[in-house]
Amino acid sequence: MTFSHGQIEGVVIKDLRRHADQRGWLSELFRSDEIDPAAFPAMGYVSETKPGMARGPHEHRSQGDCFCFFGPSTFRIYLWDNRSGSPSFGRRMVLEAGEKRAVAIIIPAGVVHAYKNIGGVPGWSLNFPNSLYGGVGRKSEIDEIRYEDDPETLFRLD
């Protein structure tokens, strides 16, 4: 299978506005009046990714993610529509986000995703998935299909 470039059905990319004053800045990451109830977060976490390192590619069977990238580094984000019934099945998107372009990205279940820190300093991302990792009390199967260690994967970071 070959992926073509283009928009992916259900992926929402929202530029985040920084409100700055003499103390620094703040940015609204999401609002309940601007997000689809199906994507509303069940939890949140922050991760640090060192320069040159990647997370993913992987996908979720039922979980959606809401990632926020705002710096201090730059990330290259990769998305592949792997949902056979989707109008955008077989499409791939690549974008950059972080210090120069702060964004929130809602990624529906079945969309393979990865990101790589392409900047020179460690960078942080926040994620607000719409379901609990490992379920209530971390007692359920993890909802993840991982591709990063598969040398034959179609989902390559370039």
C-alpha atoms as a PDB file:
ATOM      1  CA  MET A   1       0.000   0.000   0.000  1.00  0.00           C
ATOM      2  CA  THR A   2       1.177   3.515  -0.787  1.00  0.00           C
ATOM      3  CA  PHE A   3      -0.105   6.519   1.162  1.00  0.00           C
ATOM      4  CA  SER A   4      -0.958   9.766  -0.646  1.00  0.00           C
ATOM      5  CA  HIS A   5      -0.622  13.205   0.911  1.00  0.00           C
ATOM      6  CA  GLY A   6      -3.776  15.011   1.969  1.00  0.00           C
ATOM      7  CA  GLN A   7      -6.198  15.871   4.734  1.00  0.00           C
ATOM      8  CA  ILE A   8      -7.361  13.004   6.951  1.00  0.00           C
ATOM      9  CA  GLU A   9     -11.035  12.723   7.892  1.00  0.00           C
ATOM     10  CA  GLY A  10     -11.609  13.452  11.582  1.00  0.00           C
ATOM     11  CA  VAL A  11      -8.169  14.916  12.296  1.00  0.00           C
ATOM     12  CA  VAL A  12      -8.522  18.400  13.794  1.00  0.00           C
ATOM     13  CA  ILE A  13      -5.570  20.772  13.877  1.00  0.00           C
ATOM     14  CA  LYS A  14      -6.043  23.950  15.870  1.00  0.00           C
ATOM     15  CA  ASP A  15      -3.415  26.659  16.118  1.00  0.00           C
ATOM     16  CA  LEU A  16      -2.962  27.628  19.772  1.00  0.00           C
ATOM     17  CA  ARG A  17      -2.866  31.318  20.613  1.00  0.00           C
ATOM     18  CA  ARG A  18      -0.379  32.577  23.157  1.00  0.00           C
ATOM     19  CA  HIS A  19      -1.589  35.394  25.395  1.00  0.00           C
ATOM     20  CA  ALA A  20       1.558  37.163  26.544  1.00  0.00           C
ATOM     21  CA  ASP A  21       2.278  39.873  29.068  1.00  0.00           C
ATOM     22  CA  GLN A  22       5.209  40.904  31.274  1.00  0.00           C
ATOM     23  CA  ARG A  23       4.913  37.647  33.316  1.00  0.00           C
ATOM     24  CA  GLY A  24       5.165  35.280  30.318  1.00  0.00           C
ATOM     25  CA  TRP A  25       2.355  33.644  28.369  1.00  0.00           C
ATOM     26  CA  LEU A  26      -0.576  31.243  28.598  1.00  0.00           C
ATOM     27  CA  SER A  27      -2.477  29.268  25.989  1.00  0.00           C
ATOM     28  CA  GLU A  28      -5.847  27.526  26.134  1.00  0.00           C
ATOM     29  CA  LEU A  29      -5.238  23.914  25.065  1.00  0.00           C
ATOM     30  CA  PHE A  30      -8.873  22.859  24.669  1.00  0.00           C
ATOM     31  CA  ARG A  31     -12.320  24.014  25.725  1.00  0.00           C
ATOM     32  CA  SER A  32     -15.418  21.887  26.253  1.00  0.00           C
ATOM     33  CA  ASP A  33     -17.406  24.280  24.037  1.00  0.00           C
ATOM     34  CA  GLU A  34     -14.964  23.794  21.126  1.00  0.00           C
ATOM     35  CA  ILE A  35     -14.325  20.050  21.169  1.00  0.00           C
ATOM     36  CA  ASP A  36     -16.473  17.135  19.998  1.00  0.00           C
ATOM     37  CA  PRO A  37     -17.830  15.322  23.079  1.00  0.00           C
ATOM     38  CA  ALA A  38     -16.457  12.032  21.669  1.00  0.00           C
ATOM     39  CA  ALA A  39     -12.933  13.503  21.876  1.00  0.00           C
ATOM     40  CA  PHE A  40     -13.293  14.915  25.378  1.00  0.00           C
ATOM     41  CA  PRO A  41     -10.334  13.848  27.559  1.00  0.00           C
ATOM     42  CA  ALA A  42     -10.472  11.121  30.206  1.00  0.00           C
ATOM     43  CA  MET A  43      -6.910  11.794  31.409  1.00  0.00           C
ATOM     44  CA  GLY A  44      -3.821  13.857  30.618  1.00  0.00           C
ATOM     45  CA  TYR A  45      -0.066  13.455  30.606  1.00  0.00           C
ATOM     46  CA  VAL A  46       3.093  15.269  29.596  1.00  0.00           C
ATOM     47  CA  SER A  47       6.110  13.678  27.930  1.00  0.00           C
ATOM     48  CA  GLU A  48       9.585  14.929  27.154  1.00  0.00           C
ATOM     49  CA  THR A  49      11.240  13.866  23.908  1.00  0.00           C
ATOM     50  CA  LYS A  50      14.956  14.414  23.440  1.00  0.00           C
ATOM     51  CA  PRO A  51      16.383  15.903  20.203  1.00  0.00           C
ATOM     52  CA  GLY A  52      16.424  13.405  17.339  1.00  0.00           C
ATOM     53  CA  MET A  53      14.151  10.935  19.149  1.00  0.00           C
ATOM     54  CA  ALA A  54      10.717   9.769  17.966  1.00  0.00           C
ATOM     55  CA  ARG A  55       7.599   8.366  19.600  1.00  0.00           C
ATOM     56  CA  GLY A  56       5.534   6.009  17.463  1.00  0.00           C
ATOM     57  CA  PRO A  57       4.316   5.133  14.987  1.00  0.00           C
ATOM     58  CA  HIS A  58       1.370   3.462  16.654  1.00  0.00           C
ATOM     59  CA  GLU A  59      -2.416   3.518  16.542  1.00  0.00           C
ATOM     60  CA  HIS A  60      -5.300   2.847  18.882  1.00  0.00           C
ATOM     61  CA  ARG A  61      -8.314   0.599  18.242  1.00  0.00           C
ATOM     62  CA  SER A  62     -10.772   2.829  20.098  1.00  0.00           C
ATOM     63  CA  GLN A  63      -8.848   5.634  21.818  1.00  0.00           C
ATOM     64  CA  GLY A  64      -8.544   9.109  20.352  1.00  0.00           C
ATOM     65  CA  ASP A  65      -5.707  11.452  21.303  1.00  0.00           C
ATOM     66  CA  CYS A  66      -5.563  15.225  21.720  1.00  0.00           C
ATOM     67  CA  PHE A  67      -1.884  16.226  21.552  1.00  0.00           C
ATOM     68  CA  CYS A  68      -0.615  19.734  22.234  1.00  0.00           C
ATOM     69  CA  PHE A  69       2.815  20.858  21.013  1.00  0.00           C
ATOM     70  CA  PHE A  70       4.065  24.290  22.046  1.00  0.00           C
ATOM     71  CA  GLY A  71       7.848  24.144  22.368  1.00  0.00           C
ATOM     72  CA  PRO A  72      10.505  24.851  23.339  1.00  0.00           C
ATOM     73  CA  SER A  73      11.560  22.535  20.497  1.00  0.00           C
ATOM     74  CA  THR A  74      10.093  21.674  17.073  1.00  0.00           C
ATOM     75  CA  PHE A  75       8.344  18.403  16.331  1.00  0.00           C
ATOM     76  CA  ARG A  76       7.578  16.758  13.006  1.00  0.00           C
ATOM     77  CA  ILE A  77       4.208  15.021  13.303  1.00  0.00           C
ATOM     78  CA  TYR A  78       3.233  12.127  11.022  1.00  0.00           C
ATOM     79  CA  LEU A  79      -0.315  10.847  10.508  1.00  0.00           C
ATOM     80  CA  TRP A  80      -1.540   7.958   8.328  1.00  0.00           C
ATOM     81  CA  ASP A  81      -5.218   7.095   7.829  1.00  0.00           C
ATOM     82  CA  ASN A  82      -5.342   3.336   8.358  1.00  0.00           C
ATOM     83  CA  ARG A  83      -9.164   3.125   8.673  1.00  0.00           C
ATOM     84  CA  SER A  84     -10.433   1.025   5.766  1.00  0.00           C
ATOM     85  CA  GLY A  85     -13.920   2.626   5.869  1.00  0.00           C
ATOM     86  CA  SER A  86     -12.693   6.209   6.024  1.00  0.00           C
ATOM     87  CA  PRO A  87     -13.143   8.578   3.055  1.00  0.00           C
ATOM     88  CA  SER A  88      -9.469   9.515   3.497  1.00  0.00           C
ATOM     89  CA  PHE A  89      -8.155   5.935   3.872  1.00  0.00           C
ATOM     90  CA  GLY A  90      -4.581   5.759   2.533  1.00  0.00           C
ATOM     91  CA  ARG A  91      -3.762   9.415   3.115  1.00  0.00           C
ATOM     92  CA  ARG A  92      -0.717  10.717   4.953  1.00  0.00           C
ATOM     93  CA  MET A  93      -0.157  14.083   6.613  1.00  0.00           C
ATOM     94  CA  VAL A  94       3.100  15.590   7.865  1.00  0.00           C
ATOM     95  CA  LEU A  95       3.302  18.878   9.736  1.00  0.00           C
ATOM     96  CA  GLU A  96       5.634  20.704  12.064  1.00  0.00           C
ATOM     97  CA  ALA A  97       4.640  22.172  15.392  1.00  0.00           C
ATOM     98  CA  GLY A  98       6.216  23.481  18.533  1.00  0.00           C
ATOM     99  CA  GLU A  99       7.876  26.729  19.420  1.00  0.00           C
ATOM    100  CA  LYS A 100       7.076  28.594  16.183  1.00  0.00           C
ATOM    101  CA  ARG A 101       3.613  27.062  15.666  1.00  0.00           C
ATOM    102  CA  ALA A 102       1.845  25.855  18.803  1.00  0.00           C
ATOM    103  CA  VAL A 103      -0.969  23.435  17.914  1.00  0.00           C
ATOM    104  CA  ALA A 104      -3.482  21.026  19.350  1.00  0.00           C
ATOM    105  CA  ILE A 105      -4.133  17.955  17.198  1.00  0.00           C
ATOM    106  CA  ILE A 106      -7.098  15.626  17.711  1.00  0.00           C
ATOM    107  CA  ILE A 107      -6.296  12.188  16.279  1.00  0.00           C
ATOM    108  CA  PRO A 108      -9.164   9.705  15.944  1.00  0.00           C
ATOM    109  CA  ALA A 109      -8.826   5.980  16.638  1.00  0.00           C
ATOM    110  CA  GLY A 110      -7.350   4.090  13.667  1.00  0.00           C
ATOM    111  CA  VAL A 111      -5.136   6.965  12.524  1.00  0.00           C
ATOM    112  CA  VAL A 112      -1.512   5.884  12.908  1.00  0.00           C
ATOM    113  CA  HIS A 113       0.608   8.638  14.418  1.00  0.00           C
ATOM    114  CA  ALA A 114       4.167   9.455  15.364  1.00  0.00           C
ATOM    115  CA  TYR A 115       6.225  12.495  16.183  1.00  0.00           C
ATOM    116  CA  LYS A 116       9.913  13.287  16.181  1.00  0.00           C
ATOM    117  CA  ASN A 117      11.801  16.069  17.918  1.00  0.00           C
ATOM    118  CA  ILE A 118      13.675  17.784  15.087  1.00  0.00           C
ATOM    119  CA  GLY A 119      14.858  20.705  17.216  1.00  0.00           C
ATOM    120  CA  GLY A 120      18.050  21.084  19.177  1.00  0.00           C
ATOM    121  CA  VAL A 121      16.608  20.936  22.694  1.00  0.00           C
ATOM    122  CA  PRO A 122      14.302  18.573  24.564  1.00  0.00           C
ATOM    123  CA  GLY A 123      10.639  19.258  23.815  1.00  0.00           C
ATOM    124  CA  TRP A 124       7.432  18.618  25.672  1.00  0.00           C
ATOM    125  CA  SER A 125       4.100  17.390  24.402  1.00  0.00           C
ATOM    126  CA  LEU A 126       0.867  17.105  26.313  1.00  0.00           C
ATOM    127  CA  ASN A 127      -1.725  14.442  25.536  1.00  0.00           C
ATOM    128  CA  PHE A 128      -5.338  14.299  26.647  1.00  0.00           C
ATOM    129  CA  PRO A 129      -6.696  10.946  25.408  1.00  0.00           C
ATOM    130  CA  ASN A 130     -10.438  10.250  25.501  1.00  0.00           C
ATOM    131  CA  SER A 131     -10.002   6.982  27.416  1.00  0.00           C
ATOM    132  CA  LEU A 132      -7.913   5.775  30.330  1.00  0.00           C
ATOM    133  CA  TYR A 133      -4.579   4.092  29.603  1.00  0.00           C
ATOM    134  CA  GLY A 134      -5.068   0.476  30.627  1.00  0.00           C
ATOM    135  CA  GLY A 135      -8.678   1.138  31.624  1.00  0.00           C
ATOM    136  CA  VAL A 136     -10.051   1.818  35.096  1.00  0.00           C
ATOM    137  CA  GLY A 137      -7.388   0.943  37.647  1.00  0.00           C
ATOM    138  CA  ARG A 138      -5.006   0.013  34.774  1.00  0.00           C
ATOM    139  CA  LYS A 139      -6.621  -3.447  34.696  1.00  0.00           C
ATOM    140  CA  SER A 140      -7.571  -3.674  30.996  1.00  0.00           C
ATOM    141  CA  GLU A 141      -5.633  -4.531  27.866  1.00  0.00           C
ATOM    142  CA  ILE A 142      -3.617  -1.605  26.469  1.00  0.00           C
ATOM    143  CA  ASP A 143      -5.327  -0.118  23.405  1.00  0.00           C
ATOM    144  CA  GLU A 144      -2.257   0.180  21.182  1.00  0.00           C
ATOM    145  CA  ILE A 145      -0.892  -1.317  17.990  1.00  0.00           C
ATOM    146  CA  ARG A 146       2.822  -0.482  17.831  1.00  0.00           C
ATOM    147  CA  TYR A 147       4.817  -0.298  14.576  1.00  0.00           C
ATOM    148  CA  GLU A 148       8.102   1.332  15.583  1.00  0.00           C
ATOM    149  CA  ASP A 149      10.028  -1.929  15.914  1.00  0.00           C
ATOM    150  CA  ASP A 150       8.650  -3.521  12.717  1.00  0.00           C
ATOM    151  CA  PRO A 151      11.304  -3.289   9.943  1.00  0.00           C
ATOM    152  CA  GLU A 152       8.580  -4.020   7.331  1.00  0.00           C
ATOM    153  CA  THR A 153       6.166  -1.299   8.484  1.00  0.00           C
ATOM    154  CA  LEU A 154       4.437   0.952   5.959  1.00  0.00           C
ATOM    155  CA  PHE A 155       4.522   3.770   8.511  1.00  0.00           C
ATOM    156  CA  ARG A 156       7.964   5.287   8.068  1.00  0.00           C
ATOM    157  CA  LEU A 157       9.300   8.562   9.394  1.00  0.00           C
ATOM    158  CA  ASP A 158      11.353  10.372   6.783  1.00  0.00           C
END
